[in-house]
Amino acid sequence: RAPDVAYGQSVTPLFDEWAEDGPETFADDEIAPAGTTLVIIAGGHRAGGYRYETRSWAILAIDTEDPDRPKAKWVLPAASCKGTEVSRPTARAWHQAAYVPARFCGEAHPRGCVVAFGGNVSAQATNSVDVLDLATWQWTAGSCIGGKEPQPRNCGAVGLVQLSATEARVVFGPGGAGSDVPRGGLD
């Protein structure tokens, strides 16, 4: 199933450009065959005026076996469902999200994770964090992240900065701090 029709969503490819043996994509045989590129689409606004944030998310599985005719389909892992409930992130839009490969996560996230930060929640800039565990496909709100707590922000950028073969930092910045995305607040 596709995520809600929205704008201000995050688009996060599960792709590790610094893998030891060269660039590689995250693989999960229960979702799609090996060699498929997985992209997480999450959040966004469902209506004008930067309101009505959504908790919707899905995975776009892109099969490039035939590079002249790539195929794509929407998927949602069965593990993300408990009964009829689907694990969902905080309703947010204009947030930033980054894929963190397993080698940087240790035991906390043995298959890696996606970290979503900031954006607008209830029409206000936030500094809240959600983490998607790629082993369980469960979202956790308010996950603990080390370091000084940043100011609330939206419309920023994100990058994963590799410090060594097993250590990296997710860097967010700069973005705005107001509710009138992208013109509002202090930059």
N, C-alpha and C. Protein backbone atom coordinates (compact mmCIF):
# COMPACT_ATOMS: atom_id res chain seq x y z
N ARG A 1 0.84 -1.18 0.00
CA ARG A 1 0.00 0.00 0.00
C ARG A 1 0.88 1.24 0.00
N ALA A 2 0.45 2.26 -0.66
CA ALA A 2 1.19 3.52 -0.73
C ALA A 2 0.91 4.33 0.53
N PRO A 3 1.83 5.25 0.87
CA PRO A 3 1.55 6.14 2.00
C PRO A 3 0.46 7.13 1.62
N ASP A 4 -0.06 7.87 2.62
CA ASP A 4 -1.05 8.91 2.34
C ASP A 4 -0.53 9.88 1.29
N VAL A 5 -1.43 10.41 0.49
CA VAL A 5 -1.06 11.49 -0.43
C VAL A 5 -0.75 12.69 0.44
N ALA A 6 0.46 13.21 0.33
CA ALA A 6 0.90 14.29 1.22
C ALA A 6 2.05 15.05 0.57
N TYR A 7 2.40 16.17 1.17
CA TYR A 7 3.59 16.90 0.77
C TYR A 7 4.41 17.17 2.02
N GLY A 8 5.72 17.43 1.87
CA GLY A 8 6.58 17.62 3.03
C GLY A 8 6.99 16.30 3.66
N GLN A 9 7.02 15.22 2.87
CA GLN A 9 7.41 13.91 3.36
C GLN A 9 8.93 13.77 3.38
N SER A 10 9.43 12.79 4.13
CA SER A 10 10.84 12.44 4.03
C SER A 10 10.97 11.28 3.06
N VAL A 11 12.08 11.26 2.32
CA VAL A 11 12.39 10.20 1.37
C VAL A 11 13.78 9.69 1.75
N THR A 12 13.86 8.43 2.21
CA THR A 12 15.12 7.91 2.75
C THR A 12 15.51 6.60 2.08
N PRO A 13 16.47 6.64 1.15
CA PRO A 13 16.94 5.40 0.54
C PRO A 13 17.75 4.59 1.55
N LEU A 14 17.54 3.28 1.59
CA LEU A 14 18.31 2.40 2.48
C LEU A 14 19.52 1.91 1.69
N PHE A 15 20.53 2.79 1.61
CA PHE A 15 21.69 2.60 0.75
C PHE A 15 22.93 3.02 1.52
N ASP A 16 23.92 2.14 1.61
CA ASP A 16 25.16 2.42 2.34
C ASP A 16 26.28 2.66 1.34
N GLU A 17 26.61 3.91 1.12
CA GLU A 17 27.64 4.23 0.14
C GLU A 17 29.06 3.95 0.63
N TRP A 18 29.22 3.72 1.95
CA TRP A 18 30.57 3.50 2.51
C TRP A 18 30.82 2.07 2.94
N ALA A 19 30.01 1.11 2.50
CA ALA A 19 30.21 -0.28 2.90
C ALA A 19 31.61 -0.74 2.50
N GLU A 20 32.17 -1.64 3.30
CA GLU A 20 33.56 -2.08 3.11
C GLU A 20 33.85 -2.60 1.70
N ASP A 21 32.90 -3.35 1.14
CA ASP A 21 33.10 -3.93 -0.19
C ASP A 21 32.47 -3.10 -1.30
N GLY A 22 32.22 -1.84 -1.03
CA GLY A 22 31.60 -0.96 -2.02
C GLY A 22 30.15 -0.70 -1.68
N PRO A 23 29.52 0.24 -2.37
CA PRO A 23 28.14 0.61 -2.06
C PRO A 23 27.20 -0.60 -2.06
N GLU A 24 26.27 -0.63 -1.09
CA GLU A 24 25.31 -1.73 -1.03
C GLU A 24 23.97 -1.21 -0.52
N THR A 25 22.92 -1.92 -0.92
CA THR A 25 21.58 -1.57 -0.47
C THR A 25 21.17 -2.50 0.67
N PHE A 26 20.31 -2.00 1.54
CA PHE A 26 19.76 -2.81 2.61
C PHE A 26 18.87 -3.87 1.99
N ALA A 27 18.97 -5.11 2.47
CA ALA A 27 18.18 -6.20 1.90
C ALA A 27 17.30 -6.84 2.97
N ASP A 28 16.09 -7.20 2.59
CA ASP A 28 15.17 -7.92 3.45
C ASP A 28 14.34 -8.82 2.54
N ASP A 29 14.65 -10.12 2.56
CA ASP A 29 14.00 -11.07 1.66
C ASP A 29 12.49 -11.17 1.87
N GLU A 30 12.01 -10.81 3.05
CA GLU A 30 10.57 -10.86 3.30
C GLU A 30 9.83 -9.72 2.60
N ILE A 31 10.56 -8.67 2.22
CA ILE A 31 9.95 -7.51 1.58
C ILE A 31 10.10 -7.56 0.07
N ALA A 32 11.34 -7.85 -0.37
CA ALA A 32 11.63 -7.82 -1.80
C ALA A 32 12.88 -8.64 -2.07
N PRO A 33 13.07 -9.13 -3.30
CA PRO A 33 14.25 -9.94 -3.61
C PRO A 33 15.54 -9.14 -3.49
N ALA A 34 16.64 -9.87 -3.29
CA ALA A 34 17.96 -9.23 -3.21
C ALA A 34 18.20 -8.37 -4.45
N GLY A 35 18.90 -7.28 -4.28
CA GLY A 35 19.18 -6.38 -5.38
C GLY A 35 18.14 -5.29 -5.56
N THR A 36 17.06 -5.36 -4.78
CA THR A 36 16.00 -4.35 -4.84
C THR A 36 16.40 -3.17 -3.95
N THR A 37 16.22 -1.97 -4.43
CA THR A 37 16.49 -0.78 -3.62
C THR A 37 15.23 -0.43 -2.85
N LEU A 38 15.39 -0.27 -1.53
CA LEU A 38 14.25 0.08 -0.67
C LEU A 38 14.36 1.55 -0.27
N VAL A 39 13.23 2.25 -0.35
CA VAL A 39 13.17 3.68 0.00
C VAL A 39 12.01 3.88 0.97
N ILE A 40 12.29 4.46 2.14
CA ILE A 40 11.24 4.74 3.13
C ILE A 40 10.65 6.12 2.83
N ILE A 41 9.33 6.20 2.71
CA ILE A 41 8.61 7.46 2.55
C ILE A 41 7.76 7.62 3.81
N ALA A 42 7.89 8.77 4.50
CA ALA A 42 7.17 8.92 5.78
C ALA A 42 6.69 10.35 5.98
N GLY A 43 5.55 10.44 6.69
CA GLY A 43 5.02 11.72 7.14
C GLY A 43 4.45 12.59 6.03
N GLY A 44 4.44 13.89 6.31
CA GLY A 44 3.93 14.87 5.36
C GLY A 44 2.64 15.51 5.84
N HIS A 45 2.23 16.57 5.12
CA HIS A 45 0.96 17.26 5.37
C HIS A 45 -0.09 16.73 4.40
N ARG A 46 -1.30 16.51 4.90
CA ARG A 46 -2.38 16.02 4.05
C ARG A 46 -3.24 17.15 3.49
N ALA A 47 -3.01 18.39 3.93
CA ALA A 47 -3.83 19.51 3.46
C ALA A 47 -3.00 20.78 3.49
N GLY A 48 -3.52 21.84 2.87
CA GLY A 48 -2.81 23.10 2.80
C GLY A 48 -2.67 23.80 4.14
N GLY A 49 -1.85 24.82 4.13
CA GLY A 49 -1.66 25.61 5.33
C GLY A 49 -0.75 24.96 6.35
N TYR A 50 0.04 23.95 5.93
CA TYR A 50 0.99 23.28 6.80
C TYR A 50 0.32 22.73 8.05
N ARG A 51 -0.79 22.03 7.83
CA ARG A 51 -1.52 21.40 8.93
C ARG A 51 -1.79 19.95 8.57
N TYR A 52 -2.37 19.24 9.50
CA TYR A 52 -2.81 17.86 9.29
C TYR A 52 -1.65 16.92 8.93
N GLU A 53 -0.63 16.90 9.80
CA GLU A 53 0.48 15.99 9.58
C GLU A 53 -0.02 14.54 9.65
N THR A 54 0.66 13.65 8.95
CA THR A 54 0.26 12.25 8.92
C THR A 54 1.32 11.34 9.53
N ARG A 55 0.87 10.22 10.06
CA ARG A 55 1.75 9.18 10.61
C ARG A 55 2.02 8.10 9.56
N SER A 56 1.54 8.32 8.37
CA SER A 56 1.65 7.33 7.30
C SER A 56 3.10 7.10 6.90
N TRP A 57 3.40 5.84 6.54
CA TRP A 57 4.71 5.51 5.98
C TRP A 57 4.58 4.24 5.16
N ALA A 58 5.50 4.05 4.25
CA ALA A 58 5.56 2.84 3.44
C ALA A 58 6.95 2.73 2.85
N ILE A 59 7.19 1.59 2.24
CA ILE A 59 8.47 1.33 1.59
C ILE A 59 8.22 1.20 0.10
N LEU A 60 8.99 1.93 -0.69
CA LEU A 60 8.95 1.78 -2.14
C LEU A 60 10.09 0.83 -2.50
N ALA A 61 9.74 -0.34 -3.03
CA ALA A 61 10.73 -1.34 -3.45
C ALA A 61 10.96 -1.17 -4.95
N ILE A 62 12.19 -0.81 -5.32
CA ILE A 62 12.53 -0.53 -6.72
C ILE A 62 13.43 -1.65 -7.24
N ASP A 63 12.93 -2.43 -8.19
CA ASP A 63 13.66 -3.54 -8.78
C ASP A 63 14.33 -3.04 -10.05
N THR A 64 15.65 -3.05 -10.06
CA THR A 64 16.40 -2.56 -11.23
C THR A 64 17.13 -3.69 -11.94
N GLU A 65 16.60 -4.92 -11.81
CA GLU A 65 17.22 -6.07 -12.48
C GLU A 65 17.38 -5.78 -13.98
N ASP A 66 16.34 -5.20 -14.57
CA ASP A 66 16.41 -4.76 -15.97
C ASP A 66 16.51 -3.23 -15.92
N PRO A 67 17.74 -2.68 -16.04
CA PRO A 67 17.90 -1.22 -15.89
C PRO A 67 17.11 -0.39 -16.89
N ASP A 68 16.73 -1.00 -18.02
CA ASP A 68 15.93 -0.27 -19.01
C ASP A 68 14.45 -0.24 -18.65
N ARG A 69 14.02 -1.12 -17.72
CA ARG A 69 12.62 -1.20 -17.33
C ARG A 69 12.50 -1.45 -15.82
N PRO A 70 12.92 -0.49 -15.01
CA PRO A 70 12.81 -0.70 -13.57
C PRO A 70 11.34 -0.83 -13.16
N LYS A 71 11.11 -1.62 -12.11
CA LYS A 71 9.75 -1.82 -11.59
C LYS A 71 9.74 -1.35 -10.14
N ALA A 72 8.61 -0.80 -9.70
CA ALA A 72 8.50 -0.34 -8.32
C ALA A 72 7.15 -0.76 -7.76
N LYS A 73 7.13 -1.09 -6.46
CA LYS A 73 5.87 -1.41 -5.79
C LYS A 73 5.96 -0.95 -4.34
N TRP A 74 4.80 -0.63 -3.78
CA TRP A 74 4.72 -0.22 -2.38
C TRP A 74 4.59 -1.46 -1.52
N VAL A 75 5.34 -1.51 -0.42
CA VAL A 75 5.26 -2.63 0.51
C VAL A 75 5.27 -2.10 1.94
N LEU A 76 4.77 -2.91 2.85
CA LEU A 76 4.82 -2.62 4.28
C LEU A 76 5.11 -3.96 4.94
N PRO A 77 6.21 -4.07 5.69
CA PRO A 77 6.56 -5.36 6.27
C PRO A 77 5.48 -5.88 7.22
N ALA A 78 5.21 -7.18 7.14
CA ALA A 78 4.23 -7.79 8.04
C ALA A 78 4.65 -7.59 9.50
N ALA A 79 5.97 -7.55 9.76
CA ALA A 79 6.45 -7.37 11.13
C ALA A 79 6.07 -6.02 11.71
N SER A 80 5.75 -5.05 10.86
CA SER A 80 5.37 -3.73 11.36
C SER A 80 3.96 -3.73 11.93
N CYS A 81 3.24 -4.82 11.73
CA CYS A 81 1.85 -4.93 12.19
C CYS A 81 1.76 -5.81 13.44
N LYS A 82 1.04 -5.35 14.41
CA LYS A 82 0.71 -6.15 15.58
C LYS A 82 -0.80 -6.26 15.60
N GLY A 83 -1.29 -7.42 15.19
CA GLY A 83 -2.74 -7.55 15.01
C GLY A 83 -3.15 -6.71 13.82
N THR A 84 -4.08 -5.80 14.04
CA THR A 84 -4.52 -4.92 12.95
C THR A 84 -3.84 -3.55 13.02
N GLU A 85 -3.01 -3.34 14.04
CA GLU A 85 -2.33 -2.04 14.21
C GLU A 85 -0.97 -2.05 13.52
N VAL A 86 -0.67 -1.00 12.80
CA VAL A 86 0.62 -0.82 12.16
C VAL A 86 1.46 0.13 13.00
N SER A 87 2.72 -0.24 13.25
CA SER A 87 3.63 0.67 13.96
C SER A 87 3.83 1.91 13.10
N ARG A 88 3.67 3.08 13.71
CA ARG A 88 3.77 4.33 12.94
C ARG A 88 4.63 5.34 13.70
N PRO A 89 5.27 6.24 12.95
CA PRO A 89 6.03 7.32 13.59
C PRO A 89 5.10 8.43 14.07
N THR A 90 5.65 9.39 14.78
CA THR A 90 4.92 10.59 15.16
C THR A 90 4.41 11.27 13.89
N ALA A 91 3.20 11.81 13.93
CA ALA A 91 2.68 12.58 12.79
C ALA A 91 3.54 13.83 12.64
N ARG A 92 4.24 13.94 11.54
CA ARG A 92 5.14 15.07 11.32
C ARG A 92 5.31 15.33 9.83
N ALA A 93 5.78 16.52 9.50
CA ALA A 93 6.07 16.89 8.12
C ALA A 93 7.29 17.80 8.10
N TRP A 94 7.91 17.94 6.94
CA TRP A 94 9.09 18.78 6.75
C TRP A 94 10.23 18.39 7.71
N HIS A 95 10.30 17.09 8.00
CA HIS A 95 11.34 16.56 8.88
C HIS A 95 12.50 16.02 8.04
N GLN A 96 13.53 15.64 8.72
CA GLN A 96 14.69 15.04 8.08
C GLN A 96 14.80 13.60 8.56
N ALA A 97 15.26 12.70 7.69
CA ALA A 97 15.42 11.31 8.08
C ALA A 97 16.68 10.75 7.42
N ALA A 98 17.40 9.90 8.17
CA ALA A 98 18.63 9.31 7.67
C ALA A 98 18.66 7.81 7.96
N TYR A 99 19.21 7.05 7.01
CA TYR A 99 19.45 5.63 7.19
C TYR A 99 20.80 5.47 7.89
N VAL A 100 20.80 4.67 8.96
CA VAL A 100 22.03 4.38 9.69
C VAL A 100 22.28 2.87 9.56
N PRO A 101 23.31 2.46 8.80
CA PRO A 101 23.58 1.03 8.61
C PRO A 101 23.90 0.32 9.93
N ALA A 102 23.68 -0.99 9.96
CA ALA A 102 23.86 -1.79 11.17
C ALA A 102 25.25 -1.65 11.78
N ARG A 103 26.28 -1.52 10.98
CA ARG A 103 27.64 -1.47 11.54
C ARG A 103 27.87 -0.26 12.43
N PHE A 104 27.01 0.73 12.34
CA PHE A 104 27.11 1.91 13.19
C PHE A 104 26.17 1.85 14.39
N CYS A 105 25.31 0.84 14.45
CA CYS A 105 24.25 0.79 15.48
C CYS A 105 24.54 -0.14 16.64
N GLY A 106 25.39 -1.11 16.48
CA GLY A 106 25.64 -2.07 17.54
C GLY A 106 24.43 -2.93 17.83
N GLU A 107 24.32 -3.40 19.08
CA GLU A 107 23.24 -4.31 19.46
C GLU A 107 21.87 -3.64 19.49
N ALA A 108 21.83 -2.34 19.64
CA ALA A 108 20.54 -1.64 19.73
C ALA A 108 19.69 -1.85 18.49
N HIS A 109 20.31 -1.84 17.33
CA HIS A 109 19.60 -2.01 16.06
C HIS A 109 20.46 -2.90 15.16
N PRO A 110 20.38 -4.23 15.33
CA PRO A 110 21.29 -5.14 14.64
C PRO A 110 21.19 -5.14 13.12
N ARG A 111 20.12 -4.60 12.55
CA ARG A 111 20.00 -4.51 11.09
C ARG A 111 20.03 -3.07 10.61
N GLY A 112 20.30 -2.13 11.55
CA GLY A 112 20.32 -0.72 11.21
C GLY A 112 19.01 -0.05 11.59
N CYS A 113 18.93 1.25 11.30
CA CYS A 113 17.72 2.00 11.64
C CYS A 113 17.58 3.22 10.75
N VAL A 114 16.41 3.83 10.83
CA VAL A 114 16.17 5.13 10.20
C VAL A 114 15.84 6.09 11.34
N VAL A 115 16.54 7.23 11.38
CA VAL A 115 16.32 8.24 12.41
C VAL A 115 15.60 9.42 11.77
N ALA A 116 14.41 9.76 12.29
CA ALA A 116 13.64 10.92 11.81
C ALA A 116 13.71 11.99 12.88
N PHE A 117 14.01 13.21 12.47
CA PHE A 117 14.19 14.31 13.42
C PHE A 117 13.46 15.55 12.96
N GLY A 118 12.95 16.29 13.93
CA GLY A 118 12.43 17.63 13.69
C GLY A 118 11.19 17.66 12.82
N GLY A 119 11.09 18.73 12.07
CA GLY A 119 9.92 18.94 11.23
C GLY A 119 8.85 19.68 12.00
N ASN A 120 7.63 19.59 11.51
CA ASN A 120 6.48 20.21 12.18
C ASN A 120 5.60 19.11 12.77
N VAL A 121 5.23 19.28 14.03
CA VAL A 121 4.30 18.41 14.73
C VAL A 121 3.23 19.34 15.30
N SER A 122 1.99 19.07 14.99
CA SER A 122 0.87 19.93 15.42
C SER A 122 1.11 21.38 15.00
N ALA A 123 1.58 21.56 13.77
CA ALA A 123 1.80 22.87 13.15
C ALA A 123 2.88 23.71 13.82
N GLN A 124 3.78 23.09 14.60
CA GLN A 124 4.88 23.80 15.24
C GLN A 124 6.19 23.05 15.00
N ALA A 125 7.29 23.80 14.85
CA ALA A 125 8.60 23.17 14.71
C ALA A 125 8.90 22.34 15.96
N THR A 126 9.56 21.20 15.78
CA THR A 126 9.87 20.31 16.89
C THR A 126 11.32 19.84 16.82
N ASN A 127 11.81 19.33 17.94
CA ASN A 127 13.11 18.69 17.95
C ASN A 127 12.98 17.23 18.39
N SER A 128 11.79 16.67 18.22
CA SER A 128 11.56 15.28 18.62
C SER A 128 12.19 14.31 17.62
N VAL A 129 12.39 13.09 18.09
CA VAL A 129 13.06 12.05 17.30
C VAL A 129 12.20 10.79 17.29
N ASP A 130 12.14 10.13 16.14
CA ASP A 130 11.56 8.79 16.01
C ASP A 130 12.62 7.90 15.36
N VAL A 131 12.66 6.64 15.77
CA VAL A 131 13.61 5.69 15.19
C VAL A 131 12.85 4.47 14.69
N LEU A 132 13.12 4.08 13.43
CA LEU A 132 12.56 2.86 12.85
C LEU A 132 13.63 1.78 12.92
N ASP A 133 13.39 0.73 13.71
CA ASP A 133 14.31 -0.40 13.82
C ASP A 133 14.09 -1.30 12.62
N LEU A 134 15.13 -1.52 11.81
CA LEU A 134 14.99 -2.29 10.58
C LEU A 134 15.00 -3.80 10.83
N ALA A 135 15.24 -4.24 12.07
CA ALA A 135 15.12 -5.66 12.40
C ALA A 135 13.68 -6.01 12.74
N THR A 136 12.98 -5.10 13.41
CA THR A 136 11.61 -5.37 13.86
C THR A 136 10.57 -4.59 13.07
N TRP A 137 11.00 -3.58 12.32
CA TRP A 137 10.11 -2.68 11.58
C TRP A 137 9.15 -1.96 12.51
N GLN A 138 9.62 -1.64 13.72
CA GLN A 138 8.82 -0.92 14.70
C GLN A 138 9.40 0.48 14.89
N TRP A 139 8.51 1.47 14.96
CA TRP A 139 8.90 2.86 15.24
C TRP A 139 8.90 3.08 16.75
N THR A 140 9.88 3.83 17.23
CA THR A 140 9.95 4.22 18.64
C THR A 140 10.04 5.74 18.71
N ALA A 141 9.11 6.35 19.41
CA ALA A 141 9.12 7.82 19.55
C ALA A 141 9.98 8.20 20.74
N GLY A 142 10.65 9.34 20.62
CA GLY A 142 11.42 9.87 21.73
C GLY A 142 12.66 9.08 22.05
N SER A 143 13.20 8.35 21.08
CA SER A 143 14.40 7.56 21.33
C SER A 143 15.55 8.47 21.76
N CYS A 144 16.35 7.96 22.66
CA CYS A 144 17.46 8.74 23.23
C CYS A 144 18.58 8.90 22.21
N ILE A 145 18.98 10.10 21.99
CA ILE A 145 20.10 10.42 21.11
C ILE A 145 21.07 11.23 21.96
N GLY A 146 22.35 10.90 21.90
CA GLY A 146 23.34 11.58 22.73
C GLY A 146 23.64 12.98 22.23
N GLY A 147 24.32 13.76 23.07
CA GLY A 147 24.74 15.10 22.71
C GLY A 147 23.76 16.16 23.18
N LYS A 148 24.11 17.42 22.86
CA LYS A 148 23.28 18.56 23.25
C LYS A 148 21.98 18.55 22.45
N GLU A 149 20.86 18.79 23.13
CA GLU A 149 19.56 18.81 22.46
C GLU A 149 19.49 20.01 21.52
N PRO A 150 19.21 19.76 20.24
CA PRO A 150 19.13 20.87 19.28
C PRO A 150 17.83 21.66 19.42
N GLN A 151 17.81 22.83 18.85
CA GLN A 151 16.60 23.66 18.81
C GLN A 151 15.59 23.00 17.87
N PRO A 152 14.29 23.22 18.10
CA PRO A 152 13.29 22.73 17.14
C PRO A 152 13.57 23.32 15.76
N ARG A 153 13.37 22.49 14.73
CA ARG A 153 13.62 22.97 13.36
C ARG A 153 12.84 22.15 12.35
N ASN A 154 12.62 22.76 11.20
CA ASN A 154 11.97 22.09 10.09
C ASN A 154 12.69 22.46 8.80
N CYS A 155 12.41 21.74 7.75
CA CYS A 155 12.97 22.03 6.42
C CYS A 155 14.49 22.03 6.37
N GLY A 156 15.13 21.27 7.23
CA GLY A 156 16.59 21.22 7.25
C GLY A 156 17.13 20.14 6.34
N ALA A 157 18.38 19.84 6.53
CA ALA A 157 19.07 18.79 5.78
C ALA A 157 19.64 17.79 6.77
N VAL A 158 19.98 16.62 6.28
CA VAL A 158 20.54 15.58 7.13
C VAL A 158 21.63 14.84 6.37
N GLY A 159 22.62 14.38 7.11
CA GLY A 159 23.67 13.56 6.51
C GLY A 159 24.25 12.62 7.54
N LEU A 160 24.74 11.49 7.08
CA LEU A 160 25.43 10.55 7.95
C LEU A 160 26.91 10.75 7.70
N VAL A 161 27.65 11.14 8.73
CA VAL A 161 29.07 11.41 8.61
C VAL A 161 29.84 10.24 9.22
N GLN A 162 30.60 9.54 8.39
CA GLN A 162 31.38 8.39 8.87
C GLN A 162 32.66 8.89 9.50
N LEU A 163 32.91 8.46 10.76
CA LEU A 163 34.12 8.84 11.48
C LEU A 163 35.18 7.75 11.40
N SER A 164 34.75 6.49 11.34
CA SER A 164 35.64 5.34 11.20
C SER A 164 34.81 4.21 10.59
N ALA A 165 35.40 3.02 10.51
CA ALA A 165 34.68 1.88 9.92
C ALA A 165 33.45 1.48 10.72
N THR A 166 33.44 1.81 12.02
CA THR A 166 32.31 1.41 12.87
C THR A 166 31.67 2.56 13.62
N GLU A 167 32.04 3.79 13.32
CA GLU A 167 31.48 4.94 14.04
C GLU A 167 31.07 6.03 13.06
N ALA A 168 29.86 6.55 13.29
CA ALA A 168 29.33 7.63 12.45
C ALA A 168 28.43 8.52 13.29
N ARG A 169 28.12 9.69 12.77
CA ARG A 169 27.20 10.63 13.41
C ARG A 169 26.15 11.05 12.39
N VAL A 170 24.91 11.15 12.86
CA VAL A 170 23.85 11.71 12.05
C VAL A 170 23.86 13.21 12.35
N VAL A 171 24.02 14.02 11.31
CA VAL A 171 24.12 15.48 11.48
C VAL A 171 22.90 16.12 10.83
N PHE A 172 22.16 16.91 11.61
CA PHE A 172 20.97 17.62 11.14
C PHE A 172 21.25 19.12 11.14
N GLY A 173 20.71 19.82 10.14
CA GLY A 173 20.84 21.26 10.18
C GLY A 173 20.53 21.87 8.84
N PRO A 174 20.51 23.15 8.67
CA PRO A 174 20.14 24.07 9.72
C PRO A 174 18.63 24.17 9.87
N GLY A 175 17.89 24.45 8.79
CA GLY A 175 16.43 24.51 8.88
C GLY A 175 15.90 25.77 9.53
N GLY A 176 14.57 25.88 9.56
CA GLY A 176 13.90 27.02 10.18
C GLY A 176 13.26 26.58 11.49
N ALA A 177 12.76 27.54 12.24
CA ALA A 177 12.20 27.22 13.55
C ALA A 177 10.75 27.68 13.69
N GLY A 178 10.14 28.14 12.60
CA GLY A 178 8.77 28.65 12.71
C GLY A 178 7.75 27.64 12.24
N SER A 179 6.48 28.03 12.32
CA SER A 179 5.40 27.16 11.90
C SER A 179 5.01 27.39 10.44
N ASP A 180 5.42 28.51 9.85
CA ASP A 180 5.07 28.83 8.47
C ASP A 180 6.19 28.31 7.56
N VAL A 181 6.17 27.03 7.32
CA VAL A 181 7.21 26.38 6.53
C VAL A 181 7.16 26.91 5.10
N PRO A 182 8.24 27.16 4.41
CA PRO A 182 9.58 27.21 4.90
C PRO A 182 10.04 28.61 5.26
N ARG A 183 9.10 29.54 5.35
CA ARG A 183 9.47 30.93 5.55
C ARG A 183 9.57 31.36 7.01
N GLY A 184 9.09 30.54 7.91
CA GLY A 184 8.92 30.99 9.27
C GLY A 184 10.11 30.80 10.17
N GLY A 185 10.19 31.60 11.17
CA GLY A 185 11.14 31.40 12.26
C GLY A 185 12.54 31.89 11.96
N LEU A 186 13.42 31.49 12.85
CA LEU A 186 14.81 31.86 12.76
C LEU A 186 15.57 30.81 11.96
N ASP A 187 16.45 31.24 11.08
CA ASP A 187 17.25 30.29 10.30
C ASP A 187 18.66 30.27 10.81
